[in-house]
Amino acid sequence: MPRRSISGRLLGAVLLGATVLAGDPLAGQDTRARFSRHLGAVYAARTLSVIEAGVRDGLPRGLLIDKAMEGVAKGMDPEVVLTAVNTFAEELRAAAAVVGPEAEPIALEKAADALRRGVARGLLATLGRDRPADFAILVVSLEELLDAGVELELAEDLVRYAVSQEFDSDAVLRLPASVKLLVRECGAGQPESCWSRATIRECARVMPTRACPTRALAEAARSAAERSLLARSANRSLVAAAG
């Protein structure tokens, strides 16, 4: 069988999550029983009250229940679980104000993640309006760029470019891998010319049918390489000081 694309696997996981959240009609009773068993009557009631308040505001019940059950599964104190659910509900409200309360639960959750990391509200609103079906994938790519060490503004610019040039989902998801490849190839003291040559080759390889963001991709990779170098230098300094 052909190997599924990255976006296909991600969308499969999203659909599976939606099926679980929409599942057993007795889930509410089961949740109430589990909360009472693990949190005690008082904190169970308070946690469920936060969840119901979120639902009245249009937030997905499944996401809020999942957050509470995550704390229960980890054995967190009841007060910590209550605080986590309350904080998450506020983050989802903030996300709904950006991408709209009608957004899919996975899109709402990814918007909350992005806001937590400082992603511009205007960019998220644009992605939610122009690419609602791909919103979660676009945010995943943006998060992976940040995790690779790309500065926030450069990562945002790359995603904006991808949207403006109508990159498909697979092309968007390849951007972080391209940055990492460029860092490996040119990030160890190679001359400036290395970045331009390597970026052109990478663009031809992964985006042969699209106008590639050659300059932006090279700048993002350079920024990631510089931050990685600074981090390694800081670690070496800490080790030397400890010795």
C-alpha atoms as a PDB file:
ATOM      1  CA  MET A   1       0.000   0.000   0.000  1.00  0.00           C
ATOM      2  CA  PRO A   2       1.290   3.539  -0.679  1.00  0.00           C
ATOM      3  CA  ARG A   3       2.687   5.396   2.308  1.00  0.00           C
ATOM      4  CA  ARG A   4       0.261   7.972   3.652  1.00  0.00           C
ATOM      5  CA  SER A   5       1.328  11.597   3.511  1.00  0.00           C
ATOM      6  CA  ILE A   6       2.116  13.557   6.662  1.00  0.00           C
ATOM      7  CA  SER A   7      -1.021  15.621   6.261  1.00  0.00           C
ATOM      8  CA  GLY A   8      -3.057  12.452   5.710  1.00  0.00           C
ATOM      9  CA  ARG A   9      -1.815  10.971   8.966  1.00  0.00           C
ATOM     10  CA  LEU A  10      -2.502  14.206  10.819  1.00  0.00           C
ATOM     11  CA  LEU A  11      -6.006  14.485   9.397  1.00  0.00           C
ATOM     12  CA  GLY A  12      -6.628  10.847  10.297  1.00  0.00           C
ATOM     13  CA  ALA A  13      -5.717  11.592  13.895  1.00  0.00           C
ATOM     14  CA  VAL A  14      -8.007  14.627  13.882  1.00  0.00           C
ATOM     15  CA  LEU A  15     -10.936  12.585  12.579  1.00  0.00           C
ATOM     16  CA  LEU A  16     -10.300   9.854  15.148  1.00  0.00           C
ATOM     17  CA  GLY A  17     -10.320  12.461  17.916  1.00  0.00           C
ATOM     18  CA  ALA A  18     -13.595  13.907  16.647  1.00  0.00           C
ATOM     19  CA  THR A  19     -15.157  10.427  16.619  1.00  0.00           C
ATOM     20  CA  VAL A  20     -14.099   9.785  20.199  1.00  0.00           C
ATOM     21  CA  LEU A  21     -15.454  13.131  21.398  1.00  0.00           C
ATOM     22  CA  ALA A  22     -18.786  12.525  19.688  1.00  0.00           C
ATOM     23  CA  GLY A  23     -19.060   8.924  20.926  1.00  0.00           C
ATOM     24  CA  ASP A  24     -20.945   7.243  23.773  1.00  0.00           C
ATOM     25  CA  PRO A  25     -24.111   9.092  24.865  1.00  0.00           C
ATOM     26  CA  LEU A  26     -23.402   7.901  28.429  1.00  0.00           C
ATOM     27  CA  ALA A  27     -20.010   9.626  28.412  1.00  0.00           C
ATOM     28  CA  GLY A  28     -21.397  12.488  30.516  1.00  0.00           C
ATOM     29  CA  GLN A  29     -22.513  10.142  33.291  1.00  0.00           C
ATOM     30  CA  ASP A  30     -19.235   8.247  33.148  1.00  0.00           C
ATOM     31  CA  THR A  31     -17.251  11.494  33.310  1.00  0.00           C
ATOM     32  CA  ARG A  32     -19.225  12.703  36.315  1.00  0.00           C
ATOM     33  CA  ALA A  33     -18.593   9.387  38.101  1.00  0.00           C
ATOM     34  CA  ARG A  34     -14.868   9.419  37.321  1.00  0.00           C
ATOM     35  CA  PHE A  35     -14.529  13.026  38.451  1.00  0.00           C
ATOM     36  CA  SER A  36     -16.255  12.246  41.752  1.00  0.00           C
ATOM     37  CA  ARG A  37     -14.089   9.171  42.242  1.00  0.00           C
ATOM     38  CA  HIS A  38     -10.761  10.902  41.579  1.00  0.00           C
ATOM     39  CA  LEU A  39     -11.391  14.529  42.575  1.00  0.00           C
ATOM     40  CA  GLY A  40     -13.875  14.210  45.399  1.00  0.00           C
ATOM     41  CA  ALA A  41     -17.393  15.573  45.390  1.00  0.00           C
ATOM     42  CA  VAL A  42     -16.495  19.238  45.923  1.00  0.00           C
ATOM     43  CA  TYR A  43     -13.774  19.564  43.275  1.00  0.00           C
ATOM     44  CA  ALA A  44     -15.697  17.342  40.854  1.00  0.00           C
ATOM     45  CA  ALA A  45     -18.676  19.685  41.077  1.00  0.00           C
ATOM     46  CA  ARG A  46     -16.477  22.779  40.671  1.00  0.00           C
ATOM     47  CA  THR A  47     -14.639  21.291  37.690  1.00  0.00           C
ATOM     48  CA  LEU A  48     -17.886  20.279  35.993  1.00  0.00           C
ATOM     49  CA  SER A  49     -19.242  23.772  36.635  1.00  0.00           C
ATOM     50  CA  VAL A  50     -16.267  25.277  34.771  1.00  0.00           C
ATOM     51  CA  ILE A  51     -16.832  22.845  31.902  1.00  0.00           C
ATOM     52  CA  GLU A  52     -20.552  23.617  31.651  1.00  0.00           C
ATOM     53  CA  ALA A  53     -19.846  27.362  31.715  1.00  0.00           C
ATOM     54  CA  GLY A  54     -17.460  26.849  28.802  1.00  0.00           C
ATOM     55  CA  VAL A  55     -20.041  24.832  26.896  1.00  0.00           C
ATOM     56  CA  ARG A  56     -22.610  27.607  27.372  1.00  0.00           C
ATOM     57  CA  ASP A  57     -20.063  29.962  25.797  1.00  0.00           C
ATOM     58  CA  GLY A  58     -19.810  27.659  22.780  1.00  0.00           C
ATOM     59  CA  LEU A  59     -16.605  25.829  23.734  1.00  0.00           C
ATOM     60  CA  PRO A  60     -16.293  22.128  22.798  1.00  0.00           C
ATOM     61  CA  ARG A  61     -17.228  19.974  25.769  1.00  0.00           C
ATOM     62  CA  GLY A  62     -14.870  17.212  24.629  1.00  0.00           C
ATOM     63  CA  LEU A  63     -11.778  19.414  24.787  1.00  0.00           C
ATOM     64  CA  LEU A  64     -12.575  20.568  28.312  1.00  0.00           C
ATOM     65  CA  ILE A  65     -13.318  17.046  29.514  1.00  0.00           C
ATOM     66  CA  ASP A  66     -10.083  15.808  27.939  1.00  0.00           C
ATOM     67  CA  LYS A  67      -8.108  18.482  29.797  1.00  0.00           C
ATOM     68  CA  ALA A  68      -9.657  17.434  33.101  1.00  0.00           C
ATOM     69  CA  MET A  69      -9.135  13.726  32.434  1.00  0.00           C
ATOM     70  CA  GLU A  70      -5.512  14.418  31.522  1.00  0.00           C
ATOM     71  CA  GLY A  71      -4.971  15.804  35.008  1.00  0.00           C
ATOM     72  CA  VAL A  72      -6.855  12.911  36.574  1.00  0.00           C
ATOM     73  CA  ALA A  73      -4.795  10.363  34.639  1.00  0.00           C
ATOM     74  CA  LYS A  74      -1.573  12.047  35.817  1.00  0.00           C
ATOM     75  CA  GLY A  75      -2.711  11.931  39.423  1.00  0.00           C
ATOM     76  CA  MET A  76      -2.681  15.717  39.857  1.00  0.00           C
ATOM     77  CA  ASP A  77      -4.177  17.311  42.954  1.00  0.00           C
ATOM     78  CA  PRO A  78      -7.868  18.220  42.533  1.00  0.00           C
ATOM     79  CA  GLU A  79      -7.116  21.939  42.861  1.00  0.00           C
ATOM     80  CA  VAL A  80      -4.454  21.696  40.140  1.00  0.00           C
ATOM     81  CA  VAL A  81      -6.928  19.938  37.827  1.00  0.00           C
ATOM     82  CA  LEU A  82      -9.549  22.628  38.457  1.00  0.00           C
ATOM     83  CA  THR A  83      -7.034  25.401  37.752  1.00  0.00           C
ATOM     84  CA  ALA A  84      -5.826  23.694  34.557  1.00  0.00           C
ATOM     85  CA  VAL A  85      -9.370  23.315  33.214  1.00  0.00           C
ATOM     86  CA  ASN A  86     -10.254  26.899  34.087  1.00  0.00           C
ATOM     87  CA  THR A  87      -7.083  28.236  32.406  1.00  0.00           C
ATOM     88  CA  PHE A  88      -7.687  26.096  29.326  1.00  0.00           C
ATOM     89  CA  ALA A  89     -11.284  27.335  29.059  1.00  0.00           C
ATOM     90  CA  GLU A  90     -10.037  30.944  29.092  1.00  0.00           C
ATOM     91  CA  GLU A  91      -7.463  30.111  26.408  1.00  0.00           C
ATOM     92  CA  LEU A  92     -10.178  28.554  24.245  1.00  0.00           C
ATOM     93  CA  ARG A  93     -12.352  31.640  24.695  1.00  0.00           C
ATOM     94  CA  ALA A  94      -9.447  33.800  23.516  1.00  0.00           C
ATOM     95  CA  ALA A  95      -8.922  31.476  20.546  1.00  0.00           C
ATOM     96  CA  ALA A  96     -12.624  31.578  19.643  1.00  0.00           C
ATOM     97  CA  ALA A  97     -12.442  35.378  19.603  1.00  0.00           C
ATOM     98  CA  VAL A  98      -9.743  35.087  16.912  1.00  0.00           C
ATOM     99  CA  VAL A  99     -10.840  32.204  14.684  1.00  0.00           C
ATOM    100  CA  GLY A 100     -14.563  32.223  15.479  1.00  0.00           C
ATOM    101  CA  PRO A 101     -16.638  30.028  17.818  1.00  0.00           C
ATOM    102  CA  GLU A 102     -17.782  27.962  14.846  1.00  0.00           C
ATOM    103  CA  ALA A 103     -14.246  26.645  14.266  1.00  0.00           C
ATOM    104  CA  GLU A 104     -13.664  22.915  14.560  1.00  0.00           C
ATOM    105  CA  PRO A 105     -12.443  21.752  18.007  1.00  0.00           C
ATOM    106  CA  ILE A 106      -8.993  20.841  16.667  1.00  0.00           C
ATOM    107  CA  ALA A 107      -8.665  24.289  15.056  1.00  0.00           C
ATOM    108  CA  LEU A 108      -9.754  25.984  18.273  1.00  0.00           C
ATOM    109  CA  GLU A 109      -7.228  23.990  20.287  1.00  0.00           C
ATOM    110  CA  LYS A 110      -4.378  24.744  17.856  1.00  0.00           C
ATOM    111  CA  ALA A 111      -5.305  28.435  17.878  1.00  0.00           C
ATOM    112  CA  ALA A 112      -5.068  28.401  21.675  1.00  0.00           C
ATOM    113  CA  ASP A 113      -1.650  26.719  21.434  1.00  0.00           C
ATOM    114  CA  ALA A 114      -0.463  29.331  18.946  1.00  0.00           C
ATOM    115  CA  LEU A 115      -1.667  32.281  21.024  1.00  0.00           C
ATOM    116  CA  ARG A 116       0.144  30.811  24.025  1.00  0.00           C
ATOM    117  CA  ARG A 117       3.350  30.884  21.987  1.00  0.00           C
ATOM    118  CA  GLY A 118       2.872  34.502  20.949  1.00  0.00           C
ATOM    119  CA  VAL A 119       1.726  33.981  17.344  1.00  0.00           C
ATOM    120  CA  ALA A 120       0.078  37.119  15.941  1.00  0.00           C
ATOM    121  CA  ARG A 121      -3.700  37.191  16.313  1.00  0.00           C
ATOM    122  CA  GLY A 122      -4.014  38.765  12.860  1.00  0.00           C
ATOM    123  CA  LEU A 123      -2.179  35.870  11.228  1.00  0.00           C
ATOM    124  CA  LEU A 124      -4.369  33.291  12.965  1.00  0.00           C
ATOM    125  CA  ALA A 125      -7.508  35.161  11.942  1.00  0.00           C
ATOM    126  CA  THR A 126      -6.308  35.220   8.326  1.00  0.00           C
ATOM    127  CA  LEU A 127      -5.479  31.508   8.329  1.00  0.00           C
ATOM    128  CA  GLY A 128      -8.822  30.659   9.900  1.00  0.00           C
ATOM    129  CA  ARG A 129     -10.650  32.740   7.279  1.00  0.00           C
ATOM    130  CA  ASP A 130      -8.671  31.787   4.159  1.00  0.00           C
ATOM    131  CA  ARG A 131      -7.659  28.176   4.911  1.00  0.00           C
ATOM    132  CA  PRO A 132     -10.143  26.800   7.470  1.00  0.00           C
ATOM    133  CA  ALA A 133      -9.759  23.200   6.292  1.00  0.00           C
ATOM    134  CA  ASP A 134      -5.959  23.387   6.651  1.00  0.00           C
ATOM    135  CA  PHE A 135      -5.842  25.594   9.740  1.00  0.00           C
ATOM    136  CA  ALA A 136      -4.565  22.932  12.147  1.00  0.00           C
ATOM    137  CA  ILE A 137      -1.882  21.785   9.686  1.00  0.00           C
ATOM    138  CA  LEU A 138      -0.697  25.357   9.119  1.00  0.00           C
ATOM    139  CA  VAL A 139      -0.359  25.916  12.859  1.00  0.00           C
ATOM    140  CA  VAL A 140       1.461  22.594  13.300  1.00  0.00           C
ATOM    141  CA  SER A 141       3.986  23.683  10.660  1.00  0.00           C
ATOM    142  CA  LEU A 142       4.398  27.046  12.378  1.00  0.00           C
ATOM    143  CA  GLU A 143       4.980  25.358  15.734  1.00  0.00           C
ATOM    144  CA  GLU A 144       7.554  23.005  14.227  1.00  0.00           C
ATOM    145  CA  LEU A 145       9.402  25.976  12.718  1.00  0.00           C
ATOM    146  CA  LEU A 146       9.525  27.570  16.171  1.00  0.00           C
ATOM    147  CA  ASP A 147      10.679  24.291  17.722  1.00  0.00           C
ATOM    148  CA  ALA A 148      13.458  24.139  15.124  1.00  0.00           C
ATOM    149  CA  GLY A 149      14.753  27.486  16.407  1.00  0.00           C
ATOM    150  CA  VAL A 150      13.292  29.850  13.806  1.00  0.00           C
ATOM    151  CA  GLU A 151      12.453  33.288  15.198  1.00  0.00           C
ATOM    152  CA  LEU A 152       8.737  33.943  15.532  1.00  0.00           C
ATOM    153  CA  GLU A 153       8.460  36.701  12.909  1.00  0.00           C
ATOM    154  CA  LEU A 154      10.409  34.677  10.335  1.00  0.00           C
ATOM    155  CA  ALA A 155       8.280  31.595  10.996  1.00  0.00           C
ATOM    156  CA  GLU A 156       5.129  33.668  10.570  1.00  0.00           C
ATOM    157  CA  ASP A 157       6.466  35.116   7.311  1.00  0.00           C
ATOM    158  CA  LEU A 158       7.133  31.639   5.917  1.00  0.00           C
ATOM    159  CA  VAL A 159       3.596  30.495   6.684  1.00  0.00           C
ATOM    160  CA  ARG A 160       2.143  33.708   5.220  1.00  0.00           C
ATOM    161  CA  TYR A 161       4.124  33.119   2.044  1.00  0.00           C
ATOM    162  CA  ALA A 162       2.964  29.513   1.835  1.00  0.00           C
ATOM    163  CA  VAL A 163      -0.664  30.614   2.119  1.00  0.00           C
ATOM    164  CA  SER A 164      -0.285  33.450  -0.388  1.00  0.00           C
ATOM    165  CA  GLN A 165       1.274  31.039  -2.915  1.00  0.00           C
ATOM    166  CA  GLU A 166      -1.412  28.409  -2.231  1.00  0.00           C
ATOM    167  CA  PHE A 167       0.978  25.709  -1.040  1.00  0.00           C
ATOM    168  CA  ASP A 168      -0.808  22.432  -0.426  1.00  0.00           C
ATOM    169  CA  SER A 169      -0.720  20.809   3.024  1.00  0.00           C
ATOM    170  CA  ASP A 170       2.262  18.550   2.317  1.00  0.00           C
ATOM    171  CA  ALA A 171       4.343  21.471   1.019  1.00  0.00           C
ATOM    172  CA  VAL A 172       3.527  23.515   4.127  1.00  0.00           C
ATOM    173  CA  LEU A 173       4.489  20.639   6.405  1.00  0.00           C
ATOM    174  CA  ARG A 174       7.818  20.219   4.580  1.00  0.00           C
ATOM    175  CA  LEU A 175       8.994  23.730   5.494  1.00  0.00           C
ATOM    176  CA  PRO A 176      10.298  22.818   8.982  1.00  0.00           C
ATOM    177  CA  ALA A 177      12.168  19.804   7.591  1.00  0.00           C
ATOM    178  CA  SER A 178      13.721  22.031   4.927  1.00  0.00           C
ATOM    179  CA  VAL A 179      14.938  24.450   7.607  1.00  0.00           C
ATOM    180  CA  LYS A 180      16.515  21.605   9.590  1.00  0.00           C
ATOM    181  CA  LEU A 181      18.228  20.228   6.483  1.00  0.00           C
ATOM    182  CA  LEU A 182      19.679  23.643   5.627  1.00  0.00           C
ATOM    183  CA  VAL A 183      20.953  24.076   9.177  1.00  0.00           C
ATOM    184  CA  ARG A 184      22.720  20.699   9.018  1.00  0.00           C
ATOM    185  CA  GLU A 185      24.266  21.525   5.652  1.00  0.00           C
ATOM    186  CA  CYS A 186      25.319  25.138   6.172  1.00  0.00           C
ATOM    187  CA  GLY A 187      25.124  25.859   9.884  1.00  0.00           C
ATOM    188  CA  ALA A 188      28.660  24.745  10.811  1.00  0.00           C
ATOM    189  CA  GLY A 189      30.727  27.729   9.688  1.00  0.00           C
ATOM    190  CA  GLN A 190      29.961  27.446   5.981  1.00  0.00           C
ATOM    191  CA  PRO A 191      30.241  30.614   3.843  1.00  0.00           C
ATOM    192  CA  GLU A 192      27.278  32.803   2.957  1.00  0.00           C
ATOM    193  CA  SER A 193      27.104  31.282  -0.516  1.00  0.00           C
ATOM    194  CA  CYS A 194      26.253  27.908   1.023  1.00  0.00           C
ATOM    195  CA  TRP A 195      22.876  29.160   2.225  1.00  0.00           C
ATOM    196  CA  SER A 196      21.775  30.467  -1.166  1.00  0.00           C
ATOM    197  CA  ARG A 197      22.938  27.380  -3.105  1.00  0.00           C
ATOM    198  CA  ALA A 198      21.483  24.914  -0.605  1.00  0.00           C
ATOM    199  CA  THR A 199      18.183  26.770  -0.400  1.00  0.00           C
ATOM    200  CA  ILE A 200      17.757  26.779  -4.177  1.00  0.00           C
ATOM    201  CA  ARG A 201      18.445  23.030  -4.285  1.00  0.00           C
ATOM    202  CA  GLU A 202      16.001  22.362  -1.455  1.00  0.00           C
ATOM    203  CA  CYS A 203      13.299  24.461  -3.097  1.00  0.00           C
ATOM    204  CA  ALA A 204      13.716  22.577  -6.366  1.00  0.00           C
ATOM    205  CA  ARG A 205      13.475  19.283  -4.490  1.00  0.00           C
ATOM    206  CA  VAL A 206      10.429  19.823  -2.301  1.00  0.00           C
ATOM    207  CA  MET A 207       8.514  22.598  -4.119  1.00  0.00           C
ATOM    208  CA  PRO A 208       9.153  22.083  -7.820  1.00  0.00           C
ATOM    209  CA  THR A 209       5.778  23.454  -8.903  1.00  0.00           C
ATOM    210  CA  ARG A 210       5.615  26.480  -6.597  1.00  0.00           C
ATOM    211  CA  ALA A 211       7.408  29.791  -6.328  1.00  0.00           C
ATOM    212  CA  CYS A 212       9.713  28.976  -3.446  1.00  0.00           C
ATOM    213  CA  PRO A 213      10.385  31.470  -0.607  1.00  0.00           C
ATOM    214  CA  THR A 214      14.130  31.145  -1.209  1.00  0.00           C
ATOM    215  CA  ARG A 215      15.232  34.243   0.691  1.00  0.00           C
ATOM    216  CA  ALA A 216      12.785  33.773   3.562  1.00  0.00           C
ATOM    217  CA  LEU A 217      13.696  30.100   3.901  1.00  0.00           C
ATOM    218  CA  ALA A 218      17.414  30.908   4.015  1.00  0.00           C
ATOM    219  CA  GLU A 219      16.857  33.648   6.621  1.00  0.00           C
ATOM    220  CA  ALA A 220      14.771  31.298   8.751  1.00  0.00           C
ATOM    221  CA  ALA A 221      17.441  28.600   8.593  1.00  0.00           C
ATOM    222  CA  ARG A 222      20.195  31.072   9.444  1.00  0.00           C
ATOM    223  CA  SER A 223      18.241  32.326  12.429  1.00  0.00           C
ATOM    224  CA  ALA A 224      17.699  28.755  13.619  1.00  0.00           C
ATOM    225  CA  ALA A 225      21.421  27.981  13.208  1.00  0.00           C
ATOM    226  CA  GLU A 226      22.426  31.109  15.149  1.00  0.00           C
ATOM    227  CA  ARG A 227      20.052  30.332  18.013  1.00  0.00           C
ATOM    228  CA  SER A 228      21.306  26.745  18.130  1.00  0.00           C
ATOM    229  CA  LEU A 229      24.912  27.977  18.254  1.00  0.00           C
ATOM    230  CA  LEU A 230      24.075  30.409  21.054  1.00  0.00           C
ATOM    231  CA  ALA A 231      22.332  27.661  23.006  1.00  0.00           C
ATOM    232  CA  ARG A 232      25.321  25.332  22.662  1.00  0.00           C
ATOM    233  CA  SER A 233      27.699  28.114  23.738  1.00  0.00           C
ATOM    234  CA  ALA A 234      25.557  28.834  26.789  1.00  0.00           C
ATOM    235  CA  ASN A 235      25.514  25.143  27.721  1.00  0.00           C
ATOM    236  CA  ARG A 236      29.287  24.901  27.405  1.00  0.00           C
ATOM    237  CA  SER A 237      29.653  27.957  29.640  1.00  0.00           C
ATOM    238  CA  LEU A 238      27.397  26.406  32.269  1.00  0.00           C
ATOM    239  CA  VAL A 239      29.358  23.153  32.182  1.00  0.00           C
ATOM    240  CA  ALA A 240      32.656  25.033  32.508  1.00  0.00           C
ATOM    241  CA  ALA A 241      31.311  27.091  35.424  1.00  0.00           C
ATOM    242  CA  ALA A 242      30.049  23.972  37.170  1.00  0.00           C
ATOM    243  CA  GLY A 243      33.459  22.312  36.725  1.00  0.00           C
END
